[in-house]
Amino acid sequence: MKRTTATSTNAARANDLVTGLQQRFVQGLERLAAAHNSPQSFTPVEWFRDEGLHGGGIRFATRDGDLYGRGSVNASQVHYDDTPEKKLGSATAISTIIHPVHPLAPSVHIHISWTEMKSGRGYWRVMADLNPSNEIDTDRESFFASLRKAAPAQFADARAEGERYFYIPVLGRHRGVAHFYLENYSTDDMEADCRLAKSIGEAAIDSYLNILTHALNNPPEATRVQRARQLAYHTLYFFQVLTLDRGTTTGLLVHDQNDLGIMGSLPAHVDRDLLKSWAEKMEKPQDELLRGLIAVLPDQSPVLVDEAVKQKLAAVVRNHYRAHPEAIAMQA
């Protein structure tokens, strides 16, 4: 099979941007691992949309290493140039999540995408959020400082939108400590918009690599309390992604050809009992969704979220929103 690419000039420019950011991040993560005498590589995994006729992508994935428990850096482009009845022309994105092993090393999520309609209208979606299980104030401030420098005019609005998007109402708290989210962003200057998206992506990647380097330079041995906080936080991350994240739900509903890639953001282990304690807080029908997710998790503590489990989780989410399409409005 061979992946085709969109014919649009702007989509091609966006594809070059996201694949460049992908290489920047993967190479930085591998250099960091090698510098710590833990050569943990990221393996390329290619996926195809309709056997490549409508594009696809490559994700660089790693798991169960000394430094990175789970990591996924996915770049993709899906297009519908040959499907005149579709209004969507193409969607091009990098979406990445890294979950380090050490509880003092924070997780990070970065997403940058260009969506282009066949009418010619297009927009950027730019997200970056730092997700520590054991919070360190200087890490949050340095991450914010990099994003503020990259997008000074947009920073205040993006921070406010990020705070809204990553808030978990039933738990009264956020996922993460530093949130940046530009939604439906575009101006009349595509060149300037591309520069902005690239600048934000590079700032988020480089800032995170610096934070990770500092965290992993002679880190203290993790305490039992720190590891317990990490498991609880990873459980919160799992909960937010699968019950509130509109991007994850949309991806799963559109097709089932990249479920493992879409579910690549999930951490390696979660606390099944903690998830069960949150089910009673959920409104209907979302309580059914959470109980369905819990039902396909192995009965162990902590739960290992492997590829087989991810496939089952994807099916639960997809079936839930097909049965309750109105529940999508309850997401962020």
Protein backbone atom coordinates (compact mmCIF):
# COMPACT_ATOMS: atom_id res chain seq x y z
CA MET A 1 0.00 0.00 0.00
CA LYS A 2 1.05 3.57 -0.62
CA ARG A 3 -0.20 6.68 1.16
CA THR A 4 -1.39 9.48 -1.08
CA THR A 5 -1.24 13.13 -0.07
CA ALA A 6 -3.59 16.07 -0.52
CA THR A 7 -3.25 18.14 -3.67
CA SER A 8 -3.81 21.47 -1.91
CA THR A 9 -0.76 23.72 -1.61
CA ASN A 10 -1.71 24.74 1.92
CA ALA A 11 -2.22 21.12 2.96
CA ALA A 12 1.21 20.24 1.56
CA ARG A 13 2.75 23.11 3.51
CA ALA A 14 1.02 21.93 6.68
CA ASN A 15 2.23 18.37 6.08
CA ASP A 16 5.83 19.55 5.81
CA LEU A 17 5.36 21.50 9.04
CA VAL A 18 3.99 18.62 11.13
CA THR A 19 6.45 16.04 9.81
CA GLY A 20 9.30 18.44 10.56
CA LEU A 21 8.06 18.88 14.13
CA GLN A 22 7.69 15.11 14.43
CA GLN A 23 11.33 14.54 13.49
CA ARG A 24 12.48 17.33 15.81
CA PHE A 25 10.69 15.75 18.78
CA VAL A 26 11.59 12.12 18.10
CA GLN A 27 15.26 12.95 17.57
CA GLY A 28 15.31 15.04 20.75
CA LEU A 29 13.74 12.27 22.83
CA GLU A 30 16.14 9.66 21.46
CA ARG A 31 19.16 11.91 22.07
CA LEU A 32 18.01 12.40 25.65
CA ALA A 33 17.66 8.66 26.16
CA ALA A 34 21.11 7.99 24.70
CA ALA A 35 22.64 10.67 26.93
CA HIS A 36 21.28 8.80 29.95
CA ASN A 37 22.77 5.50 28.77
CA SER A 38 19.27 4.26 28.05
CA PRO A 39 19.03 4.08 24.24
CA GLN A 40 15.27 3.86 23.92
CA SER A 41 14.21 4.21 20.31
CA PHE A 42 10.90 5.21 18.79
CA THR A 43 9.68 2.69 16.23
CA PRO A 44 7.84 3.97 13.12
CA VAL A 45 4.39 2.45 12.62
CA GLU A 46 2.57 3.33 9.40
CA TRP A 47 -1.20 3.35 9.05
CA PHE A 48 -3.39 3.83 5.99
CA ARG A 49 -6.74 5.54 5.49
CA ASP A 50 -8.71 3.37 3.07
CA GLU A 51 -5.52 1.49 2.09
CA GLY A 52 -3.75 4.80 1.45
CA LEU A 53 -6.27 6.13 -1.06
CA HIS A 54 -7.20 8.87 1.41
CA GLY A 55 -3.82 9.22 3.09
CA GLY A 56 -2.79 8.00 6.53
CA GLY A 57 0.28 8.62 8.63
CA ILE A 58 3.26 7.41 10.62
CA ARG A 59 3.49 7.36 14.38
CA PHE A 60 6.75 6.87 16.23
CA ALA A 61 5.98 4.81 19.31
CA THR A 62 7.86 3.51 22.33
CA ARG A 63 6.90 1.80 25.55
CA ASP A 64 8.17 0.06 28.67
CA GLY A 65 11.64 1.62 28.58
CA ASP A 66 13.80 2.95 31.38
CA LEU A 67 12.90 6.57 30.61
CA TYR A 68 9.61 6.52 28.71
CA GLY A 69 6.76 4.32 29.87
CA ARG A 70 4.66 5.26 26.88
CA GLY A 71 5.33 7.62 24.03
CA SER A 72 3.63 8.35 20.71
CA VAL A 73 4.51 11.01 18.13
CA ASN A 74 1.97 10.75 15.33
CA ALA A 75 1.88 12.78 12.12
CA SER A 76 -0.90 12.18 9.63
CA GLN A 77 -2.79 13.58 6.68
CA VAL A 78 -6.23 12.43 5.61
CA HIS A 79 -7.78 13.90 2.46
CA TYR A 80 -10.83 13.49 0.26
CA ASP A 81 -9.79 14.98 -3.07
CA ASP A 82 -11.64 12.23 -4.95
CA THR A 83 -14.86 12.44 -2.92
CA PRO A 84 -16.88 15.43 -4.18
CA GLU A 85 -19.76 14.93 -1.76
CA LYS A 86 -17.50 15.59 1.24
CA LYS A 87 -17.05 19.18 2.39
CA LEU A 88 -13.77 18.37 4.15
CA GLY A 89 -10.76 18.60 1.87
CA SER A 90 -8.02 17.46 4.24
CA ALA A 91 -6.89 17.24 7.85
CA THR A 92 -3.19 17.33 8.64
CA ALA A 93 -1.86 16.94 12.19
CA ILE A 94 0.85 16.09 14.64
CA SER A 95 -0.44 14.67 17.90
CA THR A 96 1.97 13.52 20.57
CA ILE A 97 2.00 12.37 24.17
CA ILE A 98 4.95 11.30 26.29
CA HIS A 99 4.56 9.57 29.67
CA PRO A 100 7.99 9.23 31.37
CA VAL A 101 8.66 6.48 33.89
CA HIS A 102 10.02 8.63 36.73
CA PRO A 103 7.18 10.36 38.65
CA LEU A 104 9.13 13.64 38.87
CA ALA A 105 9.33 13.81 35.06
CA PRO A 106 6.08 15.31 33.70
CA SER A 107 4.02 14.05 30.80
CA VAL A 108 3.31 16.34 27.87
CA HIS A 109 0.65 16.57 25.17
CA ILE A 110 1.11 18.57 21.96
CA HIS A 111 -1.33 18.75 19.04
CA ILE A 112 -1.05 20.96 15.96
CA SER A 113 -3.41 20.51 13.03
CA TRP A 114 -4.53 22.21 9.83
CA THR A 115 -8.08 21.49 8.66
CA GLU A 116 -9.01 22.63 5.15
CA MET A 117 -12.46 22.61 3.59
CA LYS A 118 -13.00 22.23 -0.14
CA SER A 119 -14.34 25.77 -0.17
CA GLY A 120 -10.77 26.88 0.52
CA ARG A 121 -11.44 27.90 4.12
CA GLY A 122 -9.05 26.45 6.65
CA TYR A 123 -7.99 26.81 10.26
CA TRP A 124 -5.33 25.76 12.76
CA ARG A 125 -5.84 23.98 16.06
CA VAL A 126 -2.83 24.35 18.34
CA MET A 127 -2.58 22.71 21.77
CA ALA A 128 0.21 22.20 24.28
CA ASP A 129 -0.19 21.17 27.90
CA LEU A 130 2.20 20.05 30.62
CA ASN A 131 0.98 17.17 32.74
CA PRO A 132 2.98 16.45 35.90
CA SER A 133 1.86 13.94 38.51
CA ASN A 134 4.09 15.66 41.09
CA GLU A 135 3.91 19.39 40.40
CA ILE A 136 7.02 21.59 40.18
CA ASP A 137 6.27 25.31 39.88
CA THR A 138 9.42 26.16 37.90
CA ASP A 139 8.51 23.62 35.22
CA ARG A 140 5.09 25.18 34.72
CA GLU A 141 6.53 28.69 34.53
CA SER A 142 9.27 27.77 32.05
CA PHE A 143 6.75 25.97 29.80
CA PHE A 144 4.43 28.99 29.86
CA ALA A 145 7.34 31.38 29.26
CA SER A 146 8.33 29.53 26.08
CA LEU A 147 4.77 29.59 24.72
CA ARG A 148 4.32 33.25 25.64
CA LYS A 149 7.49 34.11 23.73
CA ALA A 150 6.37 32.08 20.69
CA ALA A 151 2.87 33.59 20.57
CA PRO A 152 2.78 36.84 22.58
CA ALA A 153 -0.35 38.21 20.92
CA GLN A 154 -2.31 34.97 21.25
CA PHE A 155 -1.02 33.74 24.61
CA ALA A 156 -3.66 35.14 26.96
CA ASP A 157 -6.62 33.85 24.93
CA ALA A 158 -4.94 30.48 24.31
CA ARG A 159 -4.21 30.03 28.01
CA ALA A 160 -7.82 30.85 28.94
CA GLU A 161 -9.21 28.45 26.33
CA GLY A 162 -6.84 25.75 27.52
CA GLU A 163 -8.01 26.23 31.09
CA ARG A 164 -11.59 25.75 29.92
CA TYR A 165 -10.92 22.74 27.69
CA PHE A 166 -8.90 20.71 30.19
CA TYR A 167 -11.19 21.31 33.16
CA ILE A 168 -12.93 18.19 34.53
CA PRO A 169 -16.24 19.38 36.06
CA VAL A 170 -17.19 16.22 37.97
CA LEU A 171 -13.80 16.19 39.71
CA GLY A 172 -13.47 19.95 40.11
CA ARG A 173 -9.93 20.07 38.74
CA HIS A 174 -7.86 20.32 35.58
CA ARG A 175 -5.84 17.79 33.66
CA GLY A 176 -2.40 19.33 33.68
CA VAL A 177 -0.97 22.57 35.04
CA ALA A 178 -0.01 24.57 31.95
CA HIS A 179 -2.60 24.79 29.18
CA PHE A 180 -2.40 26.47 25.76
CA TYR A 181 -5.12 26.07 23.13
CA LEU A 182 -5.74 28.05 19.94
CA GLU A 183 -9.00 26.83 18.43
CA ASN A 184 -10.13 27.57 14.84
CA TYR A 185 -7.24 29.98 14.35
CA SER A 186 -6.64 31.67 11.00
CA THR A 187 -5.92 35.06 9.53
CA ASP A 188 -5.70 36.28 5.96
CA ASP A 189 -1.96 35.52 5.95
CA MET A 190 -1.35 31.76 5.61
CA GLU A 191 2.41 32.27 5.62
CA ALA A 192 2.29 34.08 8.95
CA ASP A 193 -0.10 31.49 10.39
CA CYS A 194 2.29 28.68 9.41
CA ARG A 195 5.18 30.50 11.06
CA LEU A 196 3.12 30.91 14.22
CA ALA A 197 2.11 27.22 14.34
CA LYS A 198 5.71 26.15 13.77
CA SER A 199 7.02 28.57 16.39
CA ILE A 200 4.55 27.30 19.01
CA GLY A 201 5.33 23.68 18.17
CA GLU A 202 9.08 24.19 18.41
CA ALA A 203 8.71 26.14 21.66
CA ALA A 204 6.59 23.42 23.26
CA ILE A 205 8.93 20.64 22.12
CA ASP A 206 12.16 22.39 23.12
CA SER A 207 10.79 23.58 26.46
CA TYR A 208 9.59 20.10 27.33
CA LEU A 209 12.91 18.52 26.36
CA ASN A 210 14.67 21.01 28.65
CA ILE A 211 12.27 20.23 31.51
CA LEU A 212 12.74 16.50 30.96
CA THR A 213 16.53 16.82 30.82
CA HIS A 214 16.54 18.67 34.14
CA ALA A 215 14.19 16.13 35.74
CA LEU A 216 16.29 13.17 34.65
CA ASN A 217 19.71 14.53 35.59
CA ASN A 218 20.53 12.49 38.71
CA PRO A 219 16.92 12.22 39.88
CA PRO A 220 16.29 11.01 43.41
CA GLU A 221 14.89 7.54 43.85
CA ALA A 222 11.12 7.78 43.51
CA THR A 223 9.20 7.44 46.74
CA ARG A 224 6.10 5.33 47.22
CA VAL A 225 4.03 8.50 47.65
CA GLN A 226 5.31 9.95 44.38
CA ARG A 227 4.54 6.73 42.50
CA ALA A 228 1.05 6.62 44.01
CA ARG A 229 0.46 10.19 42.82
CA GLN A 230 1.67 9.22 39.37
CA LEU A 231 -0.76 6.28 39.15
CA ALA A 232 -3.63 8.48 40.34
CA TYR A 233 -2.71 11.17 37.84
CA HIS A 234 -2.42 8.71 34.96
CA THR A 235 -5.88 7.47 35.91
CA LEU A 236 -7.15 11.06 35.75
CA TYR A 237 -5.54 11.43 32.32
CA PHE A 238 -7.23 8.25 31.11
CA PHE A 239 -10.57 9.52 32.45
CA GLN A 240 -10.31 12.94 30.79
CA VAL A 241 -9.23 11.60 27.39
CA LEU A 242 -11.94 8.95 27.14
CA THR A 243 -14.88 10.87 28.62
CA LEU A 244 -14.25 14.54 27.79
CA ASP A 245 -11.79 14.92 24.92
CA ARG A 246 -13.74 15.82 21.79
CA GLY A 247 -10.75 15.27 19.52
CA THR A 248 -10.35 11.66 20.63
CA THR A 249 -14.06 10.95 20.23
CA THR A 250 -14.20 12.55 16.78
CA GLY A 251 -11.24 10.52 15.57
CA LEU A 252 -12.78 7.26 16.77
CA LEU A 253 -16.17 8.03 15.21
CA VAL A 254 -14.80 8.95 11.78
CA HIS A 255 -13.10 5.58 11.19
CA ASP A 256 -11.55 2.58 12.92
CA GLN A 257 -8.34 2.40 10.88
CA ASN A 258 -6.04 4.04 13.42
CA ASP A 259 -7.48 3.14 16.81
CA LEU A 260 -4.09 2.35 18.32
CA GLY A 261 -2.72 5.66 17.10
CA ILE A 262 -5.66 7.64 18.48
CA MET A 263 -5.39 5.78 21.78
CA GLY A 264 -1.63 6.34 21.88
CA SER A 265 -2.10 9.06 24.50
CA LEU A 266 -3.15 6.59 27.19
CA PRO A 267 -0.67 5.89 30.00
CA ALA A 268 0.65 2.40 30.69
CA HIS A 269 -1.18 1.80 33.98
CA VAL A 270 -4.35 3.07 35.66
CA ASP A 271 -6.19 2.44 38.92
CA ARG A 272 -9.42 0.55 38.23
CA ASP A 273 -10.83 1.15 41.71
CA LEU A 274 -10.26 4.89 41.45
CA LEU A 275 -12.13 4.96 38.14
CA LYS A 276 -15.02 3.07 39.74
CA SER A 277 -15.22 5.66 42.52
CA TRP A 278 -15.80 8.39 39.90
CA ALA A 279 -18.63 6.61 38.05
CA GLU A 280 -21.26 7.71 40.56
CA LYS A 281 -20.29 11.35 39.98
CA MET A 282 -21.07 11.16 36.25
CA GLU A 283 -24.24 12.46 34.63
CA LYS A 284 -26.28 10.12 32.46
CA PRO A 285 -25.47 8.72 29.95
CA GLN A 286 -21.77 9.37 30.63
CA ASP A 287 -21.91 7.14 33.69
CA GLU A 288 -22.68 4.30 31.26
CA LEU A 289 -19.61 5.21 29.23
CA LEU A 290 -17.29 5.09 32.23
CA ARG A 291 -18.74 1.81 33.46
CA GLY A 292 -18.33 0.38 29.96
CA LEU A 293 -14.69 1.43 29.92
CA ILE A 294 -14.10 -0.11 33.35
CA ALA A 295 -15.79 -3.34 32.26
CA VAL A 296 -13.18 -4.03 29.54
CA LEU A 297 -10.22 -3.35 31.84
CA PRO A 298 -8.47 -6.41 33.27
CA ASP A 299 -9.32 -7.11 36.90
CA GLN A 300 -5.88 -6.29 38.29
CA SER A 301 -4.21 -3.53 40.25
CA PRO A 302 -2.78 -1.51 38.70
CA VAL A 303 -4.30 -2.20 35.27
CA LEU A 304 -1.93 -2.59 32.31
CA VAL A 305 -3.36 -0.70 29.32
CA ASP A 306 -1.86 -2.70 26.46
CA GLU A 307 -2.81 -2.75 22.77
CA ALA A 308 -5.55 -5.33 23.22
CA VAL A 309 -7.13 -3.22 25.96
CA LYS A 310 -6.85 -0.08 23.81
CA GLN A 311 -8.79 -1.75 21.01
CA LYS A 312 -11.57 -2.67 23.44
CA LEU A 313 -11.64 0.84 24.89
CA ALA A 314 -11.90 2.36 21.41
CA ALA A 315 -14.88 0.13 20.64
CA VAL A 316 -16.62 1.15 23.89
CA VAL A 317 -16.24 4.88 23.10
CA ARG A 318 -17.37 4.43 19.49
CA ASN A 319 -20.42 2.36 20.40
CA HIS A 320 -21.41 4.73 23.22
CA TYR A 321 -21.55 7.84 21.04
CA ARG A 322 -23.30 6.02 18.22
CA ALA A 323 -25.98 5.05 20.74
CA HIS A 324 -25.97 8.49 22.45
CA PRO A 325 -24.91 11.10 19.84
CA GLU A 326 -26.38 13.85 22.03
CA ALA A 327 -23.70 13.08 24.64
CA ILE A 328 -20.99 14.58 22.43
CA ALA A 329 -22.31 17.99 23.54
CA MET A 330 -21.28 17.06 27.10
CA GLN A 331 -17.61 16.99 26.12
CA ALA A 332 -15.15 19.86 26.31
